[in-house]
PDB file of N, CA and C in Angstrom:
ATOM      1  N   MET A   1     -22.254 -22.635  36.791  1.00  0.00           N
ATOM      2  CA  MET A   1     -22.242 -23.539  35.778  1.00  0.00           C
ATOM      3  C   MET A   1     -22.421 -25.064  36.183  1.00  0.00           C
ATOM      4  N   LYS A   2     -23.306 -25.908  35.385  1.00  0.00           N
ATOM      5  CA  LYS A   2     -23.608 -26.876  35.738  1.00  0.00           C
ATOM      6  C   LYS A   2     -22.267 -27.822  35.745  1.00  0.00           C
ATOM      7  N   ASN A   3     -22.335 -28.824  36.391  1.00  0.00           N
ATOM      8  CA  ASN A   3     -21.710 -30.079  36.607  1.00  0.00           C
ATOM      9  C   ASN A   3     -21.585 -30.905  35.040  1.00  0.00           C
ATOM     10  N   ILE A   4     -20.598 -31.342  34.672  1.00  0.00           N
ATOM     11  CA  ILE A   4     -20.753 -32.369  33.470  1.00  0.00           C
ATOM     12  C   ILE A   4     -20.531 -33.813  33.857  1.00  0.00           C
ATOM     13  N   ASP A   5     -21.276 -34.445  34.311  1.00  0.00           N
ATOM     14  CA  ASP A   5     -21.354 -35.993  33.980  1.00  0.00           C
ATOM     15  C   ASP A   5     -20.767 -36.512  33.302  1.00  0.00           C
ATOM     16  N   ILE A   6     -20.006 -37.320  33.082  1.00  0.00           N
ATOM     17  CA  ILE A   6     -19.408 -38.397  32.190  1.00  0.00           C
ATOM     18  C   ILE A   6     -19.442 -40.053  32.272  1.00  0.00           C
ATOM     19  N   LEU A   7     -19.766 -40.779  31.527  1.00  0.00           N
ATOM     20  CA  LEU A   7     -19.698 -42.234  31.904  1.00  0.00           C
ATOM     21  C   LEU A   7     -18.361 -42.699  30.898  1.00  0.00           C
ATOM     22  N   ALA A   8     -17.420 -43.390  31.547  1.00  0.00           N
ATOM     23  CA  ALA A   8     -16.381 -43.698  30.797  1.00  0.00           C
ATOM     24  C   ALA A   8     -16.413 -45.280  30.727  1.00  0.00           C
ATOM     25  N   VAL A   9     -16.666 -46.146  29.484  1.00  0.00           N
ATOM     26  CA  VAL A   9     -16.665 -47.649  29.656  1.00  0.00           C
ATOM     27  C   VAL A   9     -15.451 -47.926  28.986  1.00  0.00           C
ATOM     28  N   GLY A  10     -14.767 -48.962  29.511  1.00  0.00           N
ATOM     29  CA  GLY A  10     -13.400 -49.395  29.248  1.00  0.00           C
ATOM     30  C   GLY A  10     -12.889 -50.651  29.916  1.00  0.00           C
ATOM     31  N   THR A  11     -12.424 -51.426  29.432  1.00  0.00           N
ATOM     32  CA  THR A  11     -11.872 -52.987  30.289  1.00  0.00           C
ATOM     33  C   THR A  11     -10.530 -53.006  30.467  1.00  0.00           C
ATOM     34  N   HIS A  12      -9.651 -51.810  30.496  1.00  0.00           N
ATOM     35  CA  HIS A  12      -8.475 -52.149  31.059  1.00  0.00           C
ATOM     36  C   HIS A  12      -8.200 -50.940  32.349  1.00  0.00           C
ATOM     37  N   PRO A  13      -8.143 -51.711  33.277  1.00  0.00           N
ATOM     38  CA  PRO A  13      -8.095 -51.023  34.613  1.00  0.00           C
ATOM     39  C   PRO A  13      -7.280 -49.828  34.676  1.00  0.00           C
ATOM     40  N   GLU A  14      -6.320 -50.084  34.383  1.00  0.00           N
ATOM     41  CA  GLU A  14      -5.119 -48.957  34.706  1.00  0.00           C
ATOM     42  C   GLU A  14      -5.338 -48.115  33.604  1.00  0.00           C
ATOM     43  N   ILE A  15      -5.980 -48.243  32.569  1.00  0.00           N
ATOM     44  CA  ILE A  15      -6.310 -47.011  31.337  1.00  0.00           C
ATOM     45  C   ILE A  15      -7.470 -46.110  32.345  1.00  0.00           C
ATOM     46  N   MET A  16      -8.563 -46.763  32.507  1.00  0.00           N
ATOM     47  CA  MET A  16      -9.602 -46.300  33.286  1.00  0.00           C
ATOM     48  C   MET A  16      -9.344 -45.375  34.219  1.00  0.00           C
ATOM     49  N   LYS A  17      -8.457 -46.083  35.211  1.00  0.00           N
ATOM     50  CA  LYS A  17      -8.222 -45.163  36.764  1.00  0.00           C
ATOM     51  C   LYS A  17      -7.605 -43.745  36.021  1.00  0.00           C
ATOM     52  N   THR A  18      -6.638 -43.923  34.907  1.00  0.00           N
ATOM     53  CA  THR A  18      -6.084 -42.691  34.454  1.00  0.00           C
ATOM     54  C   THR A  18      -7.069 -41.709  34.008  1.00  0.00           C
ATOM     55  N   VAL A  19      -8.115 -42.318  33.082  1.00  0.00           N
ATOM     56  CA  VAL A  19      -9.131 -41.602  32.505  1.00  0.00           C
ATOM     57  C   VAL A  19     -10.162 -40.912  33.541  1.00  0.00           C
ATOM     58  N   LYS A  20     -10.447 -41.824  34.244  1.00  0.00           N
ATOM     59  CA  LYS A  20     -11.443 -41.014  35.564  1.00  0.00           C
ATOM     60  C   LYS A  20     -10.474 -40.083  36.397  1.00  0.00           C
ATOM     61  N   ARG A  21      -8.984 -40.573  36.493  1.00  0.00           N
ATOM     62  CA  ARG A  21      -8.306 -38.871  37.329  1.00  0.00           C
ATOM     63  C   ARG A  21      -8.570 -38.112  36.577  1.00  0.00           C
ATOM     64  N   LEU A  22      -8.068 -38.148  35.111  1.00  0.00           N
ATOM     65  CA  LEU A  22      -7.848 -36.926  34.595  1.00  0.00           C
ATOM     66  C   LEU A  22      -9.275 -36.393  34.263  1.00  0.00           C
ATOM     67  N   LEU A  23     -10.588 -36.744  34.221  1.00  0.00           N
ATOM     68  CA  LEU A  23     -11.638 -36.149  34.020  1.00  0.00           C
ATOM     69  C   LEU A  23     -11.923 -35.675  35.513  1.00  0.00           C
ATOM     70  N   ASP A  24     -12.091 -36.146  36.165  1.00  0.00           N
ATOM     71  CA  ASP A  24     -12.279 -35.825  37.611  1.00  0.00           C
ATOM     72  C   ASP A  24     -11.720 -34.379  38.087  1.00  0.00           C
ATOM     73  N   SER A  25     -10.154 -34.500  37.488  1.00  0.00           N
ATOM     74  CA  SER A  25      -9.678 -33.181  37.854  1.00  0.00           C
ATOM     75  C   SER A  25     -10.135 -31.687  37.105  1.00  0.00           C
ATOM     76  N   LYS A  26     -10.699 -31.908  36.207  1.00  0.00           N
ATOM     77  CA  LYS A  26     -11.189 -30.611  35.742  1.00  0.00           C
ATOM     78  C   LYS A  26     -12.577 -30.277  36.609  1.00  0.00           C
ATOM     79  N   PRO A  27     -12.235 -28.967  36.959  1.00  0.00           N
ATOM     80  CA  PRO A  27     -13.679 -28.249  37.788  1.00  0.00           C
ATOM     81  C   PRO A  27     -15.147 -28.494  37.257  1.00  0.00           C
ATOM     82  N   GLY A  28     -15.718 -29.128  37.879  1.00  0.00           N
ATOM     83  CA  GLY A  28     -16.813 -29.331  37.464  1.00  0.00           C
ATOM     84  C   GLY A  28     -17.416 -30.497  36.716  1.00  0.00           C
ATOM     85  N   TRP A  29     -16.550 -31.256  36.276  1.00  0.00           N
ATOM     86  CA  TRP A  29     -16.332 -32.720  35.689  1.00  0.00           C
ATOM     87  C   TRP A  29     -16.166 -33.523  36.584  1.00  0.00           C
ATOM     88  N   ARG A  30     -17.464 -34.812  36.585  1.00  0.00           N
ATOM     89  CA  ARG A  30     -17.726 -35.839  37.182  1.00  0.00           C
ATOM     90  C   ARG A  30     -17.802 -36.832  36.559  1.00  0.00           C
ATOM     91  N   CYS A  31     -16.873 -38.071  36.533  1.00  0.00           N
ATOM     92  CA  CYS A  31     -16.469 -39.263  35.548  1.00  0.00           C
ATOM     93  C   CYS A  31     -16.952 -40.182  36.577  1.00  0.00           C
ATOM     94  N   THR A  32     -17.755 -41.544  35.918  1.00  0.00           N
ATOM     95  CA  THR A  32     -18.173 -42.467  36.273  1.00  0.00           C
ATOM     96  C   THR A  32     -17.546 -43.697  35.557  1.00  0.00           C
ATOM     97  N   GLY A  33     -17.008 -44.707  35.940  1.00  0.00           N
ATOM     98  CA  GLY A  33     -16.348 -45.464  35.153  1.00  0.00           C
ATOM     99  C   GLY A  33     -17.208 -47.221  35.172  1.00  0.00           C
ATOM    100  N   ALA A  34     -17.095 -47.731  33.803  1.00  0.00           N
ATOM    101  CA  ALA A  34     -18.019 -48.992  33.843  1.00  0.00           C
ATOM    102  C   ALA A  34     -16.939 -49.986  33.366  1.00  0.00           C
ATOM    103  N   SER A  35     -17.006 -51.133  33.216  1.00  0.00           N
ATOM    104  CA  SER A  35     -15.744 -52.086  32.903  1.00  0.00           C
ATOM    105  C   SER A  35     -16.484 -52.784  31.641  1.00  0.00           C
ATOM    106  N   SER A  36     -17.783 -52.284  31.230  1.00  0.00           N
ATOM    107  CA  SER A  36     -18.315 -52.865  29.827  1.00  0.00           C
ATOM    108  C   SER A  36     -19.707 -52.170  29.707  1.00  0.00           C
ATOM    109  N   ALA A  37     -20.147 -52.412  28.252  1.00  0.00           N
ATOM    110  CA  ALA A  37     -21.307 -51.647  27.976  1.00  0.00           C
ATOM    111  C   ALA A  37     -22.606 -52.273  29.108  1.00  0.00           C
ATOM    112  N   ALA A  38     -22.475 -54.085  29.444  1.00  0.00           N
ATOM    113  CA  ALA A  38     -23.632 -54.266  30.136  1.00  0.00           C
ATOM    114  C   ALA A  38     -23.824 -53.816  31.579  1.00  0.00           C
ATOM    115  N   HIS A  39     -22.181 -53.766  32.004  1.00  0.00           N
ATOM    116  CA  HIS A  39     -22.066 -52.864  33.323  1.00  0.00           C
ATOM    117  C   HIS A  39     -22.883 -51.463  33.605  1.00  0.00           C
ATOM    118  N   ALA A  40     -22.444 -51.076  32.520  1.00  0.00           N
ATOM    119  CA  ALA A  40     -22.598 -49.722  32.469  1.00  0.00           C
ATOM    120  C   ALA A  40     -24.364 -49.208  32.160  1.00  0.00           C
ATOM    121  N   ILE A  41     -25.038 -50.023  31.642  1.00  0.00           N
ATOM    122  CA  ILE A  41     -26.482 -50.054  31.165  1.00  0.00           C
ATOM    123  C   ILE A  41     -27.264 -50.376  32.394  1.00  0.00           C
ATOM    124  N   ALA A  42     -26.596 -51.406  33.304  1.00  0.00           N
ATOM    125  CA  ALA A  42     -27.081 -52.505  34.247  1.00  0.00           C
ATOM    126  C   ALA A  42     -26.824 -51.316  35.033  1.00  0.00           C
ATOM    127  N   GLY A  43     -25.931 -50.561  35.484  1.00  0.00           N
ATOM    128  CA  GLY A  43     -26.078 -49.869  36.623  1.00  0.00           C
ATOM    129  C   GLY A  43     -26.424 -48.169  36.938  1.00  0.00           C
ATOM    130  N   ASN A  44     -26.942 -47.977  35.592  1.00  0.00           N
ATOM    131  CA  ASN A  44     -27.251 -46.433  35.226  1.00  0.00           C
ATOM    132  C   ASN A  44     -28.874 -46.375  35.125  1.00  0.00           C
ATOM    133  N   GLU A  45     -29.633 -46.966  35.171  1.00  0.00           N
ATOM    134  CA  GLU A  45     -31.118 -46.549  34.899  1.00  0.00           C
ATOM    135  C   GLU A  45     -31.748 -45.447  35.316  1.00  0.00           C
ATOM    136  N   GLN A  46     -31.086 -44.665  36.145  1.00  0.00           N
ATOM    137  CA  GLN A  46     -31.470 -43.987  36.881  1.00  0.00           C
ATOM    138  C   GLN A  46     -30.729 -42.534  37.056  1.00  0.00           C
ATOM    139  N   THR A  47     -29.506 -42.728  35.877  1.00  0.00           N
ATOM    140  CA  THR A  47     -28.810 -41.616  36.037  1.00  0.00           C
ATOM    141  C   THR A  47     -28.509 -41.000  34.807  1.00  0.00           C
ATOM    142  N   TYR A  48     -28.328 -39.720  34.743  1.00  0.00           N
ATOM    143  CA  TYR A  48     -28.044 -39.011  33.305  1.00  0.00           C
ATOM    144  C   TYR A  48     -26.821 -38.555  33.138  1.00  0.00           C
ATOM    145  N   TYR A  49     -26.332 -39.014  31.906  1.00  0.00           N
ATOM    146  CA  TYR A  49     -24.834 -38.704  31.821  1.00  0.00           C
ATOM    147  C   TYR A  49     -24.749 -37.632  30.706  1.00  0.00           C
ATOM    148  N   ASP A  50     -23.855 -36.665  30.437  1.00  0.00           N
ATOM    149  CA  ASP A  50     -23.740 -35.601  29.562  1.00  0.00           C
ATOM    150  C   ASP A  50     -23.354 -36.110  28.291  1.00  0.00           C
ATOM    151  N   VAL A  51     -22.224 -37.121  28.595  1.00  0.00           N
ATOM    152  CA  VAL A  51     -21.441 -37.728  27.600  1.00  0.00           C
ATOM    153  C   VAL A  51     -21.166 -39.418  27.884  1.00  0.00           C
ATOM    154  N   VAL A  52     -20.905 -40.275  27.086  1.00  0.00           N
ATOM    155  CA  VAL A  52     -20.364 -41.322  27.571  1.00  0.00           C
ATOM    156  C   VAL A  52     -19.241 -41.564  26.133  1.00  0.00           C
ATOM    157  N   LEU A  53     -18.143 -41.825  27.129  1.00  0.00           N
ATOM    158  CA  LEU A  53     -17.154 -42.109  26.404  1.00  0.00           C
ATOM    159  C   LEU A  53     -16.412 -43.346  26.298  1.00  0.00           C
ATOM    160  N   VAL A  54     -16.178 -43.960  25.200  1.00  0.00           N
ATOM    161  CA  VAL A  54     -15.986 -45.144  24.783  1.00  0.00           C
ATOM    162  C   VAL A  54     -14.263 -45.435  24.890  1.00  0.00           C
ATOM    163  N   CYS A  55     -13.889 -46.491  25.785  1.00  0.00           N
ATOM    164  CA  CYS A  55     -12.562 -46.462  25.848  1.00  0.00           C
ATOM    165  C   CYS A  55     -11.972 -47.555  25.351  1.00  0.00           C
ATOM    166  N   ALA A  56     -10.576 -47.793  25.815  1.00  0.00           N
ATOM    167  CA  ALA A  56      -9.915 -49.191  25.396  1.00  0.00           C
ATOM    168  C   ALA A  56     -10.728 -50.278  25.551  1.00  0.00           C
ATOM    169  N   GLY A  57     -10.693 -51.268  24.921  1.00  0.00           N
ATOM    170  CA  GLY A  57     -11.106 -52.685  24.871  1.00  0.00           C
ATOM    171  C   GLY A  57     -12.952 -52.966  24.670  1.00  0.00           C
ATOM    172  N   VAL A  58     -13.575 -51.945  24.469  1.00  0.00           N
ATOM    173  CA  VAL A  58     -15.150 -52.040  24.158  1.00  0.00           C
ATOM    174  C   VAL A  58     -15.359 -52.106  22.748  1.00  0.00           C
ATOM    175  N   SER A  59     -16.039 -53.273  22.516  1.00  0.00           N
ATOM    176  CA  SER A  59     -16.353 -53.841  21.241  1.00  0.00           C
ATOM    177  C   SER A  59     -17.112 -53.046  20.424  1.00  0.00           C
ATOM    178  N   ALA A  60     -17.221 -53.500  18.920  1.00  0.00           N
ATOM    179  CA  ALA A  60     -17.971 -52.470  18.259  1.00  0.00           C
ATOM    180  C   ALA A  60     -19.483 -53.076  18.660  1.00  0.00           C
ATOM    181  N   GLU A  61     -19.974 -54.211  18.716  1.00  0.00           N
ATOM    182  CA  GLU A  61     -21.107 -54.514  19.627  1.00  0.00           C
ATOM    183  C   GLU A  61     -21.485 -53.789  20.537  1.00  0.00           C
ATOM    184  N   GLU A  62     -20.619 -53.705  21.774  1.00  0.00           N
ATOM    185  CA  GLU A  62     -21.097 -53.180  22.937  1.00  0.00           C
ATOM    186  C   GLU A  62     -20.965 -51.668  22.543  1.00  0.00           C
ATOM    187  N   THR A  63     -20.193 -51.040  21.748  1.00  0.00           N
ATOM    188  CA  THR A  63     -20.619 -49.494  21.336  1.00  0.00           C
ATOM    189  C   THR A  63     -21.995 -49.389  20.663  1.00  0.00           C
ATOM    190  N   ARG A  64     -22.446 -50.261  19.896  1.00  0.00           N
ATOM    191  CA  ARG A  64     -23.602 -50.229  19.174  1.00  0.00           C
ATOM    192  C   ARG A  64     -24.783 -50.052  20.365  1.00  0.00           C
ATOM    193  N   GLN A  65     -24.387 -50.981  21.511  1.00  0.00           N
ATOM    194  CA  GLN A  65     -25.322 -50.654  22.470  1.00  0.00           C
ATOM    195  C   GLN A  65     -25.318 -49.704  23.528  1.00  0.00           C
ATOM    196  N   LEU A  66     -24.403 -49.146  23.482  1.00  0.00           N
ATOM    197  CA  LEU A  66     -24.229 -48.070  24.146  1.00  0.00           C
ATOM    198  C   LEU A  66     -24.995 -46.601  23.426  1.00  0.00           C
ATOM    199  N   HIS A  67     -24.691 -46.729  22.429  1.00  0.00           N
ATOM    200  CA  HIS A  67     -25.389 -45.755  21.333  1.00  0.00           C
ATOM    201  C   HIS A  67     -27.058 -46.118  21.442  1.00  0.00           C
ATOM    202  N   ALA A  68     -27.195 -47.447  21.516  1.00  0.00           N
ATOM    203  CA  ALA A  68     -28.688 -47.461  21.658  1.00  0.00           C
ATOM    204  C   ALA A  68     -29.237 -47.013  22.916  1.00  0.00           C
ATOM    205  N   TYR A  69     -28.719 -47.264  23.952  1.00  0.00           N
ATOM    206  CA  TYR A  69     -29.399 -47.167  25.219  1.00  0.00           C
ATOM    207  C   TYR A  69     -29.374 -45.663  25.583  1.00  0.00           C
ATOM    208  N   PHE A  70     -27.915 -45.048  25.470  1.00  0.00           N
ATOM    209  CA  PHE A  70     -27.938 -43.851  26.136  1.00  0.00           C
ATOM    210  C   PHE A  70     -28.279 -42.572  24.984  1.00  0.00           C
ATOM    211  N   LYS A  71     -29.143 -41.921  25.432  1.00  0.00           N
ATOM    212  CA  LYS A  71     -29.374 -40.454  24.815  1.00  0.00           C
ATOM    213  C   LYS A  71     -28.520 -39.870  24.545  1.00  0.00           C
ATOM    214  N   SER A  72     -27.703 -39.514  25.475  1.00  0.00           N
ATOM    215  CA  SER A  72     -26.514 -38.660  25.491  1.00  0.00           C
ATOM    216  C   SER A  72     -25.393 -38.769  24.330  1.00  0.00           C
ATOM    217  N   PRO A  73     -24.550 -37.859  23.877  1.00  0.00           N
ATOM    218  CA  PRO A  73     -23.710 -38.443  23.021  1.00  0.00           C
ATOM    219  C   PRO A  73     -22.587 -39.472  23.464  1.00  0.00           C
ATOM    220  N   VAL A  74     -22.330 -40.436  22.609  1.00  0.00           N
ATOM    221  CA  VAL A  74     -21.332 -41.554  22.805  1.00  0.00           C
ATOM    222  C   VAL A  74     -20.278 -41.397  22.217  1.00  0.00           C
ATOM    223  N   VAL A  75     -18.919 -41.173  22.250  1.00  0.00           N
ATOM    224  CA  VAL A  75     -17.973 -41.060  21.744  1.00  0.00           C
ATOM    225  C   VAL A  75     -16.846 -41.814  21.870  1.00  0.00           C
ATOM    226  N   GLN A  76     -15.893 -41.737  20.877  1.00  0.00           N
ATOM    227  CA  GLN A  76     -14.590 -42.920  21.008  1.00  0.00           C
ATOM    228  C   GLN A  76     -13.221 -41.934  21.787  1.00  0.00           C
ATOM    229  N   HIS A  77     -12.789 -42.528  22.416  1.00  0.00           N
ATOM    230  CA  HIS A  77     -11.793 -42.170  23.113  1.00  0.00           C
ATOM    231  C   HIS A  77     -10.576 -42.805  22.519  1.00  0.00           C
ATOM    232  N   TYR A  78      -9.734 -42.164  21.988  1.00  0.00           N
ATOM    233  CA  TYR A  78      -8.348 -42.605  20.974  1.00  0.00           C
ATOM    234  C   TYR A  78      -7.168 -42.759  21.623  1.00  0.00           C
ATOM    235  N   GLY A  79      -7.373 -42.126  23.051  1.00  0.00           N
ATOM    236  CA  GLY A  79      -6.028 -42.305  23.748  1.00  0.00           C
ATOM    237  C   GLY A  79      -4.969 -41.013  23.494  1.00  0.00           C
ATOM    238  N   GLY A  80      -4.177 -40.889  23.508  1.00  0.00           N
ATOM    239  CA  GLY A  80      -3.243 -39.783  23.063  1.00  0.00           C
ATOM    240  C   GLY A  80      -2.689 -38.712  23.853  1.00  0.00           C
ATOM    241  N   GLY A  81      -3.595 -38.885  25.261  1.00  0.00           N
ATOM    242  CA  GLY A  81      -3.153 -37.634  26.374  1.00  0.00           C
ATOM    243  C   GLY A  81      -4.284 -36.938  26.812  1.00  0.00           C
ATOM    244  N   SER A  82      -4.059 -36.292  27.566  1.00  0.00           N
ATOM    245  CA  SER A  82      -5.130 -35.370  28.253  1.00  0.00           C
ATOM    246  C   SER A  82      -5.427 -34.613  27.515  1.00  0.00           C
ATOM    247  N   GLY A  83      -5.267 -33.699  26.730  1.00  0.00           N
ATOM    248  CA  GLY A  83      -5.609 -32.773  25.681  1.00  0.00           C
ATOM    249  C   GLY A  83      -6.271 -33.066  24.541  1.00  0.00           C
ATOM    250  N   LEU A  84      -6.211 -34.583  24.288  1.00  0.00           N
ATOM    251  CA  LEU A  84      -7.182 -35.072  23.660  1.00  0.00           C
ATOM    252  C   LEU A  84      -8.431 -35.429  24.042  1.00  0.00           C
ATOM    253  N   LEU A  85      -8.334 -36.107  25.260  1.00  0.00           N
ATOM    254  CA  LEU A  85      -9.513 -36.635  26.040  1.00  0.00           C
ATOM    255  C   LEU A  85     -10.482 -35.288  26.029  1.00  0.00           C
ATOM    256  N   TYR A  86      -9.742 -34.131  26.934  1.00  0.00           N
ATOM    257  CA  TYR A  86     -10.829 -33.351  27.022  1.00  0.00           C
ATOM    258  C   TYR A  86     -11.138 -32.533  25.533  1.00  0.00           C
ATOM    259  N   ALA A  87     -10.449 -32.631  24.740  1.00  0.00           N
ATOM    260  CA  ALA A  87     -11.219 -32.238  23.276  1.00  0.00           C
ATOM    261  C   ALA A  87     -12.151 -32.976  23.094  1.00  0.00           C
ATOM    262  N   GLU A  88     -12.280 -34.624  23.066  1.00  0.00           N
ATOM    263  CA  GLU A  88     -13.433 -35.396  22.709  1.00  0.00           C
ATOM    264  C   GLU A  88     -14.293 -34.992  23.468  1.00  0.00           C
ATOM    265  N   VAL A  89     -14.391 -34.703  24.758  1.00  0.00           N
ATOM    266  CA  VAL A  89     -15.470 -34.374  25.605  1.00  0.00           C
ATOM    267  C   VAL A  89     -16.041 -33.227  25.117  1.00  0.00           C
ATOM    268  N   CYS A  90     -15.325 -32.436  24.831  1.00  0.00           N
ATOM    269  CA  CYS A  90     -15.788 -30.744  24.729  1.00  0.00           C
ATOM    270  C   CYS A  90     -16.712 -30.868  23.299  1.00  0.00           C
ATOM    271  N   SER A  91     -15.673 -31.685  22.323  1.00  0.00           N
ATOM    272  CA  SER A  91     -16.410 -31.443  21.042  1.00  0.00           C
ATOM    273  C   SER A  91     -17.651 -32.285  21.166  1.00  0.00           C
ATOM    274  N   ALA A  92     -17.789 -33.173  22.177  1.00  0.00           N
ATOM    275  CA  ALA A  92     -19.170 -33.719  22.077  1.00  0.00           C
ATOM    276  C   ALA A  92     -20.282 -33.233  22.583  1.00  0.00           C
ATOM    277  N   LEU A  93     -19.873 -32.204  23.672  1.00  0.00           N
ATOM    278  CA  LEU A  93     -20.769 -31.243  23.954  1.00  0.00           C
ATOM    279  C   LEU A  93     -21.160 -29.994  23.571  1.00  0.00           C
ATOM    280  N   LYS A  94     -20.053 -29.630  22.630  1.00  0.00           N
ATOM    281  CA  LYS A  94     -20.192 -28.461  21.606  1.00  0.00           C
ATOM    282  C   LYS A  94     -19.852 -27.047  22.884  1.00  0.00           C
ATOM    283  N   ILE A  95     -18.466 -27.341  23.675  1.00  0.00           N
ATOM    284  CA  ILE A  95     -18.123 -26.173  24.490  1.00  0.00           C
ATOM    285  C   ILE A  95     -16.968 -25.965  24.081  1.00  0.00           C
ATOM    286  N   VAL A  96     -16.267 -24.629  24.358  1.00  0.00           N
ATOM    287  CA  VAL A  96     -15.199 -24.564  24.073  1.00  0.00           C
ATOM    288  C   VAL A  96     -14.061 -24.784  25.527  1.00  0.00           C
ATOM    289  N   LEU A  97     -13.245 -25.067  25.271  1.00  0.00           N
ATOM    290  CA  LEU A  97     -11.923 -25.373  26.308  1.00  0.00           C
ATOM    291  C   LEU A  97     -11.551 -23.901  26.399  1.00  0.00           C
ATOM    292  N   PRO A  98     -11.128 -23.683  27.808  1.00  0.00           N
ATOM    293  CA  PRO A  98     -10.901 -22.101  28.238  1.00  0.00           C
ATOM    294  C   PRO A  98      -9.356 -22.180  27.888  1.00  0.00           C
TER     295      PRO A  98
END
Protein backbone atom coordinates (compact mmCIF):
# COMPACT_ATOMS: atom_id res chain seq x y z
CA MET A 1 0.00 0.00 0.00
CA LYS A 2 1.22 3.48 -0.93
CA ASN A 3 1.91 6.02 1.80
CA ILE A 4 -0.64 8.79 2.21
CA ASP A 5 0.97 12.22 2.38
CA ILE A 6 -1.10 14.87 4.13
CA LEU A 7 -0.47 18.60 4.38
CA ALA A 8 -2.19 20.16 7.41
CA VAL A 9 -2.44 23.96 7.43
CA GLY A 10 -3.37 25.81 10.62
CA THR A 11 -2.31 28.74 12.77
CA HIS A 12 -2.60 27.27 16.28
CA PRO A 13 0.66 25.48 17.20
CA GLU A 14 -0.81 23.24 19.91
CA ILE A 15 -3.69 22.11 17.71
CA MET A 16 -1.32 21.49 14.82
CA LYS A 17 0.97 19.45 17.06
CA THR A 18 -1.98 17.23 18.01
CA VAL A 19 -3.25 16.93 14.42
CA LYS A 20 0.22 15.95 13.20
CA ARG A 21 0.67 13.41 16.00
CA LEU A 22 -2.71 11.80 15.28
CA LEU A 23 -2.20 11.63 11.52
CA ASP A 24 1.35 10.32 11.84
CA SER A 25 0.10 7.58 14.16
CA LYS A 26 -1.87 5.90 11.34
CA PRO A 27 0.30 3.30 9.57
CA GLY A 28 1.31 4.58 6.15
CA TRP A 29 0.16 8.16 6.80
CA ARG A 30 2.66 11.04 6.87
CA CYS A 31 1.71 14.56 7.87
CA THR A 32 3.52 17.81 7.14
CA GLY A 33 2.38 20.96 8.91
CA ALA A 34 2.26 24.55 7.68
CA SER A 35 1.29 27.66 9.63
CA SER A 36 -0.36 29.51 6.72
CA ALA A 37 -1.40 29.10 3.09
CA ALA A 38 1.63 31.15 2.03
CA HIS A 39 3.95 28.87 4.02
CA ALA A 40 2.24 25.76 2.59
CA ILE A 41 2.57 26.99 -0.99
CA ALA A 42 6.10 28.41 -0.71
CA GLY A 43 7.49 25.30 0.94
CA ASN A 44 5.97 22.70 -1.33
CA GLU A 45 6.65 23.44 -4.97
CA GLN A 46 8.15 19.98 -5.47
CA THR A 47 5.92 17.96 -3.14
CA TYR A 48 2.67 16.17 -3.95
CA TYR A 49 0.13 15.69 -1.17
CA ASP A 50 -2.76 13.27 -1.34
CA VAL A 51 -4.89 15.64 0.71
CA VAL A 52 -4.59 19.15 2.14
CA LEU A 53 -6.30 19.58 5.49
CA VAL A 54 -7.41 23.10 6.46
CA CYS A 55 -7.32 23.43 10.24
CA ALA A 56 -8.12 26.13 12.79
CA GLY A 57 -7.22 29.75 12.10
CA VAL A 58 -7.03 29.60 8.30
CA SER A 59 -9.06 32.37 6.66
CA ALA A 60 -11.52 31.94 3.81
CA GLU A 61 -9.10 33.75 1.48
CA GLU A 62 -6.24 31.42 2.46
CA THR A 63 -8.54 28.43 1.90
CA ARG A 64 -9.30 29.73 -1.61
CA GLN A 65 -5.54 30.05 -2.24
CA LEU A 66 -5.02 26.42 -1.17
CA HIS A 67 -7.82 25.24 -3.48
CA ALA A 68 -6.32 27.23 -6.37
CA TYR A 69 -2.75 25.99 -5.85
CA PHE A 70 -3.06 22.32 -4.89
CA LYS A 71 -4.47 19.75 -7.28
CA SER A 72 -5.21 17.32 -4.46
CA PRO A 73 -8.43 17.48 -2.40
CA VAL A 74 -8.53 20.38 0.06
CA VAL A 75 -10.81 19.64 3.01
CA GLN A 76 -11.82 21.52 6.13
CA HIS A 77 -11.00 19.95 9.49
CA TYR A 78 -13.66 20.90 12.00
CA GLY A 79 -12.11 19.44 15.14
CA GLY A 80 -14.04 17.04 17.31
CA GLY A 81 -11.55 14.26 17.88
CA SER A 82 -9.43 11.73 16.09
CA GLY A 83 -12.36 9.78 14.63
CA LEU A 84 -13.63 12.82 12.76
CA LEU A 85 -10.10 13.73 11.66
CA TYR A 86 -9.52 10.28 10.18
CA ALA A 87 -12.98 10.30 8.58
CA GLU A 88 -12.32 13.67 6.92
CA VAL A 89 -9.10 12.40 5.35
CA CYS A 90 -10.60 9.08 4.32
CA SER A 91 -13.65 10.77 2.82
CA ALA A 92 -11.45 13.09 0.76
CA LEU A 93 -9.48 10.11 -0.51
CA LYS A 94 -12.54 7.89 -0.94
CA ILE A 95 -11.08 5.15 1.23
CA VAL A 96 -12.82 3.12 3.89
CA LEU A 97 -11.42 3.09 7.40
CA PRO A 98 -10.58 -0.41 8.65
